[in-house]
Amino acid sequence: MTTLADRSDTALLVIDVQRDVVAEAHDRDAVIANIVDLVDRARREDVPVVWVQHADDGMARDTDGWQYVDELPPGDDEPVVHKSFGDSFEDTDLEDRLAERHVGHLVVAGAQTDACIRSTLHGALARGYDVTLVGDAHTTEDLRQWGVPVSPEQAIGYTNAYWGFTGAPGRSTAVVDTADVAFAAST
């Protein structure tokens, strides 16, 4: 149902699963295992995998902590989008990378739930994409010491709950678990 003309394909968008980002993340190993499964399935089904990698003053580009986790190496032919804002579309070439691949539906996984995941979900929806959040394939760290009033589990649960009820004219949203993701192969 995307509002983007001639963009009926699906892509897996893997956001910020970088060493420093997920070092203290809730349920890190299980979430990364789910993302590994999604990436493997997308590759088998010829669904584009697009990687997003964050850098800012607190996480400099090309440092060890900036690297993707060892379990998730991007493929040589898979684009890596570099960003410095929460929304993966903001001041990046993500839109161009998706348009080249005729993508109008995003399946989203990664980190952090209450920052870059939420920002990108809303950014994609506002730009006309259908957006599926993989409910057991995103995570965040405990941010209560910086004033966030909820635990990581609550942030993840809340995001899953409200995203399933979010929508916009001509676009759809959904939340599914890894096992229930159904990619539509690119043509």
N, C-alpha and C. Protein backbone atom coordinates (compact mmCIF):
# COMPACT_ATOMS: atom_id res chain seq x y z
N MET A 1 0.80 -1.21 0.00
CA MET A 1 0.00 0.00 0.00
C MET A 1 0.84 1.27 0.00
N THR A 2 2.13 1.18 -0.07
CA THR A 2 2.97 2.36 -0.01
C THR A 2 2.47 3.46 -0.94
N THR A 3 2.71 4.69 -0.58
CA THR A 3 2.33 5.81 -1.43
C THR A 3 3.43 6.15 -2.43
N LEU A 4 4.50 5.39 -2.44
CA LEU A 4 5.62 5.63 -3.35
C LEU A 4 5.36 4.89 -4.66
N ALA A 5 5.29 5.61 -5.76
CA ALA A 5 4.98 5.02 -7.07
C ALA A 5 6.10 4.09 -7.52
N ASP A 6 5.70 2.96 -8.08
CA ASP A 6 6.64 1.98 -8.63
C ASP A 6 7.65 1.49 -7.61
N ARG A 7 7.22 1.36 -6.35
CA ARG A 7 8.13 0.94 -5.29
C ARG A 7 7.47 -0.18 -4.49
N SER A 8 7.28 -1.33 -5.12
CA SER A 8 6.56 -2.43 -4.49
C SER A 8 7.45 -3.43 -3.77
N ASP A 9 8.77 -3.25 -3.80
CA ASP A 9 9.67 -4.22 -3.19
C ASP A 9 9.91 -3.93 -1.71
N THR A 10 10.45 -4.94 -1.05
CA THR A 10 10.73 -4.89 0.38
C THR A 10 12.23 -4.93 0.61
N ALA A 11 12.68 -4.25 1.67
CA ALA A 11 14.08 -4.33 2.09
C ALA A 11 14.13 -4.51 3.60
N LEU A 12 15.17 -5.19 4.05
CA LEU A 12 15.46 -5.29 5.48
C LEU A 12 16.40 -4.15 5.82
N LEU A 13 16.00 -3.33 6.79
CA LEU A 13 16.81 -2.20 7.24
C LEU A 13 17.36 -2.55 8.63
N VAL A 14 18.69 -2.68 8.72
CA VAL A 14 19.35 -3.03 9.98
C VAL A 14 20.02 -1.77 10.50
N ILE A 15 19.54 -1.29 11.64
CA ILE A 15 19.95 0.01 12.16
C ILE A 15 20.89 -0.13 13.36
N ASP A 16 22.09 0.41 13.22
CA ASP A 16 23.02 0.70 14.33
C ASP A 16 23.34 -0.48 15.26
N VAL A 17 23.51 -1.67 14.72
CA VAL A 17 23.89 -2.79 15.57
C VAL A 17 25.43 -2.79 15.67
N GLN A 18 25.91 -1.72 16.27
CA GLN A 18 27.34 -1.46 16.39
C GLN A 18 27.81 -1.83 17.79
N ARG A 19 29.08 -2.13 17.90
CA ARG A 19 29.64 -2.63 19.16
C ARG A 19 29.29 -1.76 20.36
N ASP A 20 29.54 -0.46 20.28
CA ASP A 20 29.25 0.40 21.43
C ASP A 20 27.75 0.60 21.65
N VAL A 21 26.98 0.58 20.59
CA VAL A 21 25.54 0.81 20.71
C VAL A 21 24.86 -0.33 21.46
N VAL A 22 25.27 -1.57 21.19
CA VAL A 22 24.60 -2.72 21.80
C VAL A 22 25.40 -3.38 22.91
N ALA A 23 26.50 -2.79 23.32
CA ALA A 23 27.35 -3.41 24.35
C ALA A 23 26.59 -3.71 25.64
N GLU A 24 25.70 -2.82 26.04
CA GLU A 24 24.92 -2.99 27.27
C GLU A 24 23.43 -3.13 26.98
N ALA A 25 23.10 -3.54 25.78
CA ALA A 25 21.69 -3.61 25.37
C ALA A 25 20.96 -4.76 26.04
N HIS A 26 19.68 -4.53 26.28
CA HIS A 26 18.80 -5.54 26.84
C HIS A 26 18.71 -6.73 25.90
N ASP A 27 18.91 -7.94 26.43
CA ASP A 27 18.74 -9.18 25.68
C ASP A 27 19.57 -9.19 24.39
N ARG A 28 20.76 -8.61 24.47
CA ARG A 28 21.63 -8.40 23.32
C ARG A 28 21.77 -9.64 22.44
N ASP A 29 22.19 -10.75 23.03
CA ASP A 29 22.51 -11.93 22.24
C ASP A 29 21.29 -12.49 21.51
N ALA A 30 20.14 -12.52 22.16
CA ALA A 30 18.92 -13.03 21.51
C ALA A 30 18.49 -12.10 20.37
N VAL A 31 18.57 -10.80 20.60
CA VAL A 31 18.18 -9.85 19.55
C VAL A 31 19.12 -9.97 18.36
N ILE A 32 20.42 -10.05 18.61
CA ILE A 32 21.36 -10.18 17.50
C ILE A 32 21.14 -11.51 16.77
N ALA A 33 20.86 -12.57 17.47
CA ALA A 33 20.57 -13.85 16.81
C ALA A 33 19.35 -13.72 15.91
N ASN A 34 18.33 -12.99 16.36
CA ASN A 34 17.14 -12.78 15.51
C ASN A 34 17.49 -11.97 14.27
N ILE A 35 18.33 -10.96 14.44
CA ILE A 35 18.73 -10.14 13.28
C ILE A 35 19.57 -10.97 12.32
N VAL A 36 20.46 -11.81 12.83
CA VAL A 36 21.24 -12.70 11.97
C VAL A 36 20.29 -13.58 11.15
N ASP A 37 19.26 -14.12 11.80
CA ASP A 37 18.27 -14.93 11.09
C ASP A 37 17.59 -14.12 9.99
N LEU A 38 17.19 -12.91 10.30
CA LEU A 38 16.53 -12.06 9.30
C LEU A 38 17.45 -11.78 8.11
N VAL A 39 18.70 -11.44 8.40
CA VAL A 39 19.65 -11.16 7.33
C VAL A 39 19.86 -12.39 6.46
N ASP A 40 20.04 -13.53 7.07
CA ASP A 40 20.23 -14.78 6.31
C ASP A 40 19.03 -15.07 5.42
N ARG A 41 17.83 -14.91 5.97
CA ARG A 41 16.62 -15.17 5.19
C ARG A 41 16.46 -14.17 4.06
N ALA A 42 16.73 -12.90 4.34
CA ALA A 42 16.63 -11.88 3.29
C ALA A 42 17.60 -12.19 2.15
N ARG A 43 18.81 -12.54 2.48
CA ARG A 43 19.79 -12.87 1.44
C ARG A 43 19.35 -14.07 0.62
N ARG A 44 18.85 -15.10 1.28
CA ARG A 44 18.38 -16.29 0.55
C ARG A 44 17.23 -15.96 -0.40
N GLU A 45 16.40 -15.01 0.01
CA GLU A 45 15.21 -14.67 -0.77
C GLU A 45 15.44 -13.48 -1.71
N ASP A 46 16.69 -13.06 -1.85
CA ASP A 46 17.05 -11.92 -2.72
C ASP A 46 16.34 -10.63 -2.35
N VAL A 47 16.14 -10.46 -1.06
CA VAL A 47 15.58 -9.22 -0.54
C VAL A 47 16.75 -8.32 -0.13
N PRO A 48 16.78 -7.08 -0.58
CA PRO A 48 17.91 -6.22 -0.23
C PRO A 48 18.04 -6.04 1.29
N VAL A 49 19.29 -6.06 1.74
CA VAL A 49 19.62 -5.73 3.12
C VAL A 49 20.36 -4.41 3.07
N VAL A 50 19.86 -3.43 3.81
CA VAL A 50 20.48 -2.11 3.87
C VAL A 50 20.89 -1.86 5.31
N TRP A 51 22.13 -1.50 5.50
CA TRP A 51 22.72 -1.30 6.82
C TRP A 51 22.81 0.18 7.12
N VAL A 52 22.55 0.55 8.37
CA VAL A 52 22.69 1.93 8.81
C VAL A 52 23.72 1.95 9.94
N GLN A 53 24.62 2.92 9.86
CA GLN A 53 25.71 3.00 10.83
C GLN A 53 25.83 4.44 11.33
N HIS A 54 25.71 4.59 12.64
CA HIS A 54 25.69 5.92 13.28
C HIS A 54 27.08 6.35 13.71
N ALA A 55 27.34 7.64 13.59
CA ALA A 55 28.55 8.25 14.15
C ALA A 55 28.19 9.63 14.66
N ASP A 56 28.81 10.02 15.76
CA ASP A 56 28.64 11.37 16.30
C ASP A 56 29.82 11.67 17.21
N ASP A 57 29.75 12.75 17.97
CA ASP A 57 30.86 13.13 18.85
C ASP A 57 31.16 12.05 19.89
N GLY A 58 30.16 11.30 20.29
CA GLY A 58 30.35 10.26 21.29
C GLY A 58 30.79 8.92 20.73
N MET A 59 30.70 8.76 19.42
CA MET A 59 31.10 7.51 18.76
C MET A 59 31.69 7.87 17.40
N ALA A 60 33.00 8.04 17.40
CA ALA A 60 33.69 8.49 16.19
C ALA A 60 33.74 7.39 15.13
N ARG A 61 33.61 7.82 13.91
CA ARG A 61 33.69 6.92 12.75
C ARG A 61 35.05 6.23 12.71
N ASP A 62 35.03 4.98 12.30
CA ASP A 62 36.22 4.15 12.12
C ASP A 62 36.88 3.72 13.43
N THR A 63 36.23 3.92 14.56
CA THR A 63 36.75 3.39 15.82
C THR A 63 36.23 1.98 16.02
N ASP A 64 36.79 1.25 16.98
CA ASP A 64 36.35 -0.11 17.25
C ASP A 64 34.88 -0.15 17.64
N GLY A 65 34.44 0.74 18.51
CA GLY A 65 33.06 0.75 18.97
C GLY A 65 32.06 1.13 17.89
N TRP A 66 32.51 1.80 16.85
CA TRP A 66 31.66 2.22 15.74
C TRP A 66 31.37 1.06 14.79
N GLN A 67 32.19 0.03 14.80
CA GLN A 67 32.04 -1.11 13.89
C GLN A 67 30.77 -1.90 14.19
N TYR A 68 30.23 -2.53 13.15
CA TYR A 68 29.12 -3.46 13.36
C TYR A 68 29.60 -4.64 14.20
N VAL A 69 28.72 -5.25 14.98
CA VAL A 69 29.09 -6.40 15.79
C VAL A 69 29.59 -7.52 14.87
N ASP A 70 30.47 -8.35 15.40
CA ASP A 70 31.09 -9.41 14.61
C ASP A 70 30.08 -10.37 14.00
N GLU A 71 28.97 -10.59 14.69
CA GLU A 71 27.95 -11.53 14.21
C GLU A 71 27.23 -11.04 12.95
N LEU A 72 27.35 -9.76 12.64
CA LEU A 72 26.59 -9.17 11.54
C LEU A 72 27.48 -8.40 10.56
N PRO A 73 28.24 -9.10 9.75
CA PRO A 73 29.04 -8.39 8.75
C PRO A 73 28.19 -8.05 7.52
N PRO A 74 28.15 -6.78 7.12
CA PRO A 74 27.45 -6.43 5.89
C PRO A 74 28.09 -7.13 4.69
N GLY A 75 27.27 -7.52 3.74
CA GLY A 75 27.78 -8.13 2.51
C GLY A 75 28.42 -7.08 1.62
N ASP A 76 29.33 -7.51 0.78
CA ASP A 76 30.05 -6.59 -0.10
C ASP A 76 29.14 -5.80 -1.02
N ASP A 77 28.02 -6.39 -1.43
CA ASP A 77 27.10 -5.72 -2.35
C ASP A 77 25.92 -5.05 -1.63
N GLU A 78 25.98 -4.99 -0.31
CA GLU A 78 24.90 -4.39 0.47
C GLU A 78 25.28 -2.98 0.91
N PRO A 79 24.42 -2.01 0.64
CA PRO A 79 24.76 -0.63 0.98
C PRO A 79 24.82 -0.40 2.48
N VAL A 80 25.77 0.44 2.88
CA VAL A 80 25.88 0.91 4.26
C VAL A 80 25.64 2.41 4.23
N VAL A 81 24.63 2.84 4.95
CA VAL A 81 24.26 4.25 5.03
C VAL A 81 24.84 4.81 6.32
N HIS A 82 25.57 5.90 6.20
CA HIS A 82 26.18 6.53 7.37
C HIS A 82 25.32 7.72 7.80
N LYS A 83 25.04 7.78 9.11
CA LYS A 83 24.17 8.83 9.62
C LYS A 83 24.75 9.45 10.89
N SER A 84 24.24 10.62 11.21
CA SER A 84 24.63 11.28 12.46
C SER A 84 23.42 11.84 13.20
N PHE A 85 22.23 11.49 12.76
CA PHE A 85 20.98 11.86 13.43
C PHE A 85 20.19 10.60 13.70
N GLY A 86 19.19 10.68 14.56
CA GLY A 86 18.39 9.51 14.89
C GLY A 86 17.67 8.91 13.70
N ASP A 87 17.02 9.73 12.90
CA ASP A 87 16.28 9.28 11.73
C ASP A 87 17.28 8.89 10.65
N SER A 88 17.24 7.64 10.24
CA SER A 88 18.19 7.13 9.25
C SER A 88 18.07 7.80 7.88
N PHE A 89 16.98 8.52 7.64
CA PHE A 89 16.81 9.24 6.38
C PHE A 89 17.43 10.63 6.43
N GLU A 90 17.57 11.19 7.61
CA GLU A 90 17.97 12.59 7.76
C GLU A 90 19.43 12.81 7.37
N ASP A 91 19.63 13.59 6.31
CA ASP A 91 20.96 13.97 5.85
C ASP A 91 21.80 12.75 5.46
N THR A 92 21.14 11.74 4.82
CA THR A 92 21.83 10.53 4.35
C THR A 92 21.38 10.22 2.93
N ASP A 93 21.96 9.18 2.34
CA ASP A 93 21.55 8.73 1.02
C ASP A 93 20.61 7.52 1.08
N LEU A 94 19.99 7.29 2.24
CA LEU A 94 19.10 6.13 2.39
C LEU A 94 17.98 6.15 1.37
N GLU A 95 17.33 7.27 1.18
CA GLU A 95 16.22 7.34 0.23
C GLU A 95 16.69 6.95 -1.17
N ASP A 96 17.85 7.42 -1.59
CA ASP A 96 18.38 7.07 -2.91
C ASP A 96 18.65 5.58 -3.01
N ARG A 97 19.23 5.00 -1.96
CA ARG A 97 19.53 3.56 -1.96
C ARG A 97 18.26 2.73 -2.08
N LEU A 98 17.20 3.16 -1.41
CA LEU A 98 15.93 2.43 -1.46
C LEU A 98 15.24 2.63 -2.81
N ALA A 99 15.28 3.84 -3.33
CA ALA A 99 14.66 4.11 -4.64
C ALA A 99 15.32 3.29 -5.74
N GLU A 100 16.65 3.16 -5.70
CA GLU A 100 17.37 2.35 -6.70
C GLU A 100 16.87 0.91 -6.71
N ARG A 101 16.42 0.45 -5.55
CA ARG A 101 15.99 -0.94 -5.40
C ARG A 101 14.47 -1.08 -5.45
N HIS A 102 13.76 0.00 -5.76
CA HIS A 102 12.30 0.01 -5.89
C HIS A 102 11.60 -0.40 -4.59
N VAL A 103 12.19 0.00 -3.46
CA VAL A 103 11.67 -0.39 -2.16
C VAL A 103 10.62 0.61 -1.68
N GLY A 104 9.46 0.07 -1.31
CA GLY A 104 8.40 0.86 -0.70
C GLY A 104 7.97 0.32 0.64
N HIS A 105 8.53 -0.84 1.03
CA HIS A 105 8.20 -1.48 2.30
C HIS A 105 9.50 -1.79 3.03
N LEU A 106 9.60 -1.33 4.27
CA LEU A 106 10.78 -1.59 5.09
C LEU A 106 10.44 -2.53 6.23
N VAL A 107 11.32 -3.51 6.45
CA VAL A 107 11.28 -4.36 7.62
C VAL A 107 12.45 -3.89 8.47
N VAL A 108 12.15 -3.42 9.69
CA VAL A 108 13.13 -2.71 10.52
C VAL A 108 13.55 -3.53 11.73
N ALA A 109 14.88 -3.58 11.96
CA ALA A 109 15.46 -4.22 13.13
C ALA A 109 16.67 -3.42 13.56
N GLY A 110 17.10 -3.57 14.82
CA GLY A 110 18.32 -2.91 15.24
C GLY A 110 18.25 -2.26 16.60
N ALA A 111 18.94 -1.11 16.72
CA ALA A 111 19.06 -0.41 18.00
C ALA A 111 19.13 1.10 17.74
N GLN A 112 18.91 1.91 18.69
CA GLN A 112 18.26 1.68 19.94
C GLN A 112 16.78 1.98 19.80
N THR A 113 15.98 1.15 20.44
CA THR A 113 14.53 1.23 20.35
C THR A 113 13.99 2.64 20.55
N ASP A 114 14.41 3.27 21.65
CA ASP A 114 13.82 4.56 22.04
C ASP A 114 14.52 5.75 21.43
N ALA A 115 15.35 5.52 20.44
CA ALA A 115 16.04 6.63 19.77
C ALA A 115 15.98 6.40 18.26
N CYS A 116 17.00 5.79 17.70
CA CYS A 116 17.10 5.67 16.25
C CYS A 116 16.03 4.78 15.63
N ILE A 117 15.59 3.75 16.33
CA ILE A 117 14.52 2.91 15.79
C ILE A 117 13.24 3.74 15.66
N ARG A 118 12.82 4.36 16.75
CA ARG A 118 11.58 5.16 16.69
C ARG A 118 11.67 6.29 15.68
N SER A 119 12.80 6.99 15.66
CA SER A 119 12.96 8.10 14.72
C SER A 119 12.86 7.62 13.28
N THR A 120 13.49 6.49 12.98
CA THR A 120 13.46 5.97 11.62
C THR A 120 12.08 5.43 11.25
N LEU A 121 11.41 4.78 12.17
CA LEU A 121 10.05 4.31 11.89
C LEU A 121 9.17 5.47 11.44
N HIS A 122 9.19 6.54 12.22
CA HIS A 122 8.36 7.70 11.90
C HIS A 122 8.84 8.40 10.64
N GLY A 123 10.17 8.48 10.46
CA GLY A 123 10.72 9.10 9.25
C GLY A 123 10.30 8.35 8.00
N ALA A 124 10.31 7.03 8.06
CA ALA A 124 9.91 6.22 6.91
C ALA A 124 8.42 6.39 6.61
N LEU A 125 7.60 6.33 7.64
CA LEU A 125 6.16 6.48 7.45
C LEU A 125 5.83 7.85 6.86
N ALA A 126 6.45 8.90 7.37
CA ALA A 126 6.21 10.25 6.87
C ALA A 126 6.64 10.41 5.41
N ARG A 127 7.60 9.60 4.98
CA ARG A 127 8.10 9.69 3.61
C ARG A 127 7.35 8.76 2.65
N GLY A 128 6.35 8.03 3.15
CA GLY A 128 5.49 7.24 2.27
C GLY A 128 5.71 5.75 2.29
N TYR A 129 6.58 5.25 3.15
CA TYR A 129 6.87 3.82 3.20
C TYR A 129 5.86 3.07 4.06
N ASP A 130 5.62 1.80 3.72
CA ASP A 130 5.01 0.85 4.62
C ASP A 130 6.14 0.38 5.52
N VAL A 131 5.86 0.20 6.82
CA VAL A 131 6.94 -0.11 7.75
C VAL A 131 6.52 -1.21 8.71
N THR A 132 7.31 -2.29 8.70
CA THR A 132 7.11 -3.39 9.64
C THR A 132 8.26 -3.38 10.63
N LEU A 133 7.94 -3.33 11.90
CA LEU A 133 8.92 -3.42 12.97
C LEU A 133 8.99 -4.87 13.42
N VAL A 134 10.20 -5.43 13.49
CA VAL A 134 10.35 -6.79 13.98
C VAL A 134 10.46 -6.71 15.50
N GLY A 135 9.39 -7.10 16.17
CA GLY A 135 9.21 -6.87 17.59
C GLY A 135 10.24 -7.50 18.50
N ASP A 136 10.84 -8.61 18.07
CA ASP A 136 11.85 -9.26 18.90
C ASP A 136 13.26 -9.09 18.31
N ALA A 137 13.42 -8.09 17.45
CA ALA A 137 14.71 -7.85 16.81
C ALA A 137 15.14 -6.38 16.91
N HIS A 138 14.74 -5.75 18.01
CA HIS A 138 15.26 -4.41 18.32
C HIS A 138 15.46 -4.33 19.82
N THR A 139 16.38 -3.46 20.22
CA THR A 139 16.75 -3.40 21.63
C THR A 139 17.25 -2.01 22.01
N THR A 140 17.40 -1.83 23.31
CA THR A 140 17.97 -0.60 23.84
C THR A 140 18.68 -0.91 25.14
N GLU A 141 19.43 0.04 25.62
CA GLU A 141 20.09 -0.13 26.91
C GLU A 141 19.26 0.54 28.00
N ASP A 142 19.63 0.35 29.23
CA ASP A 142 18.93 0.96 30.35
C ASP A 142 19.36 2.43 30.46
N LEU A 143 18.46 3.32 30.19
CA LEU A 143 18.75 4.75 30.17
C LEU A 143 18.16 5.49 31.37
N ARG A 144 17.73 4.76 32.38
CA ARG A 144 17.10 5.41 33.53
C ARG A 144 18.05 6.34 34.27
N GLN A 145 19.34 6.04 34.26
CA GLN A 145 20.28 6.92 34.96
C GLN A 145 20.38 8.30 34.31
N TRP A 146 19.90 8.42 33.06
CA TRP A 146 19.88 9.71 32.37
C TRP A 146 18.48 10.30 32.31
N GLY A 147 17.58 9.79 33.14
CA GLY A 147 16.26 10.38 33.26
C GLY A 147 15.15 9.71 32.47
N VAL A 148 15.46 8.69 31.70
CA VAL A 148 14.40 7.97 30.99
C VAL A 148 13.60 7.21 32.05
N PRO A 149 12.28 7.38 32.07
CA PRO A 149 11.49 6.84 33.18
C PRO A 149 11.10 5.37 33.08
N VAL A 150 11.56 4.68 32.05
CA VAL A 150 11.15 3.28 31.87
C VAL A 150 12.36 2.37 31.68
N SER A 151 12.16 1.10 31.96
CA SER A 151 13.20 0.09 31.76
C SER A 151 13.32 -0.22 30.26
N PRO A 152 14.40 -0.89 29.86
CA PRO A 152 14.49 -1.30 28.46
C PRO A 152 13.31 -2.17 28.02
N GLU A 153 12.91 -3.10 28.88
CA GLU A 153 11.78 -3.97 28.54
C GLU A 153 10.52 -3.15 28.28
N GLN A 154 10.29 -2.12 29.11
CA GLN A 154 9.11 -1.28 28.93
C GLN A 154 9.21 -0.44 27.65
N ALA A 155 10.40 0.07 27.34
CA ALA A 155 10.58 0.85 26.12
C ALA A 155 10.31 0.00 24.88
N ILE A 156 10.81 -1.22 24.90
CA ILE A 156 10.61 -2.14 23.78
C ILE A 156 9.13 -2.51 23.67
N GLY A 157 8.52 -2.87 24.80
CA GLY A 157 7.10 -3.24 24.80
C GLY A 157 6.21 -2.11 24.35
N TYR A 158 6.48 -0.91 24.82
CA TYR A 158 5.68 0.25 24.43
C TYR A 158 5.81 0.52 22.93
N THR A 159 7.02 0.47 22.42
CA THR A 159 7.23 0.71 20.99
C THR A 159 6.50 -0.33 20.15
N ASN A 160 6.60 -1.59 20.55
CA ASN A 160 5.88 -2.64 19.82
C ASN A 160 4.37 -2.40 19.87
N ALA A 161 3.86 -2.01 21.04
CA ALA A 161 2.42 -1.81 21.18
C ALA A 161 1.91 -0.66 20.32
N TYR A 162 2.57 0.48 20.39
CA TYR A 162 2.02 1.62 19.65
C TYR A 162 2.29 1.53 18.16
N TRP A 163 3.40 0.91 17.74
CA TRP A 163 3.68 0.87 16.30
C TRP A 163 2.64 0.04 15.55
N GLY A 164 2.12 -0.99 16.18
CA GLY A 164 1.10 -1.80 15.55
C GLY A 164 -0.20 -1.06 15.30
N PHE A 165 -0.38 0.06 15.99
CA PHE A 165 -1.61 0.86 15.84
C PHE A 165 -1.35 2.20 15.16
N THR A 166 -0.14 2.41 14.70
CA THR A 166 0.20 3.64 14.00
C THR A 166 -0.13 3.47 12.53
N GLY A 167 -0.48 4.54 11.89
CA GLY A 167 -0.78 4.46 10.46
C GLY A 167 -0.84 5.82 9.84
N ALA A 168 -1.03 5.84 8.55
CA ALA A 168 -1.17 7.07 7.79
C ALA A 168 -1.89 6.71 6.49
N PRO A 169 -2.54 7.68 5.86
CA PRO A 169 -3.28 7.38 4.64
C PRO A 169 -2.40 6.72 3.58
N GLY A 170 -2.85 5.59 3.07
CA GLY A 170 -2.16 4.91 2.00
C GLY A 170 -0.92 4.15 2.41
N ARG A 171 -0.66 4.07 3.71
CA ARG A 171 0.52 3.36 4.22
C ARG A 171 0.11 2.42 5.33
N SER A 172 0.93 1.40 5.55
CA SER A 172 0.62 0.45 6.60
C SER A 172 1.80 0.28 7.54
N THR A 173 1.47 -0.10 8.76
CA THR A 173 2.49 -0.44 9.75
C THR A 173 2.11 -1.79 10.35
N ALA A 174 3.12 -2.47 10.88
CA ALA A 174 2.88 -3.75 11.52
C ALA A 174 4.03 -4.03 12.48
N VAL A 175 3.76 -4.92 13.43
CA VAL A 175 4.78 -5.45 14.31
C VAL A 175 4.65 -6.96 14.25
N VAL A 176 5.74 -7.64 13.90
CA VAL A 176 5.75 -9.09 13.84
C VAL A 176 7.04 -9.59 14.48
N ASP A 177 7.01 -10.82 14.95
CA ASP A 177 8.23 -11.44 15.46
C ASP A 177 9.05 -12.00 14.30
N THR A 178 10.32 -12.24 14.57
CA THR A 178 11.24 -12.74 13.55
C THR A 178 10.67 -13.93 12.79
N ALA A 179 10.13 -14.89 13.50
CA ALA A 179 9.61 -16.10 12.86
C ALA A 179 8.47 -15.82 11.91
N ASP A 180 7.79 -14.69 12.09
CA ASP A 180 6.61 -14.38 11.27
C ASP A 180 6.88 -13.38 10.15
N VAL A 181 8.12 -12.95 9.99
CA VAL A 181 8.46 -12.03 8.91
C VAL A 181 8.32 -12.76 7.59
N ALA A 182 7.57 -12.17 6.68
CA ALA A 182 7.40 -12.72 5.33
C ALA A 182 7.92 -11.68 4.35
N PHE A 183 9.10 -11.93 3.82
CA PHE A 183 9.67 -11.01 2.83
C PHE A 183 9.02 -11.27 1.48
N ALA A 184 8.79 -10.20 0.75
CA ALA A 184 8.36 -10.32 -0.64
C ALA A 184 9.63 -10.12 -1.47
N ALA A 185 10.04 -11.13 -2.18
CA ALA A 185 11.29 -11.07 -2.95
C ALA A 185 11.24 -9.96 -3.98
N SER A 186 12.37 -9.29 -4.15
CA SER A 186 12.48 -8.24 -5.16
C SER A 186 12.40 -8.84 -6.55
N THR A 187 11.92 -8.04 -7.47
CA THR A 187 11.83 -8.50 -8.86
C THR A 187 12.90 -7.82 -9.68
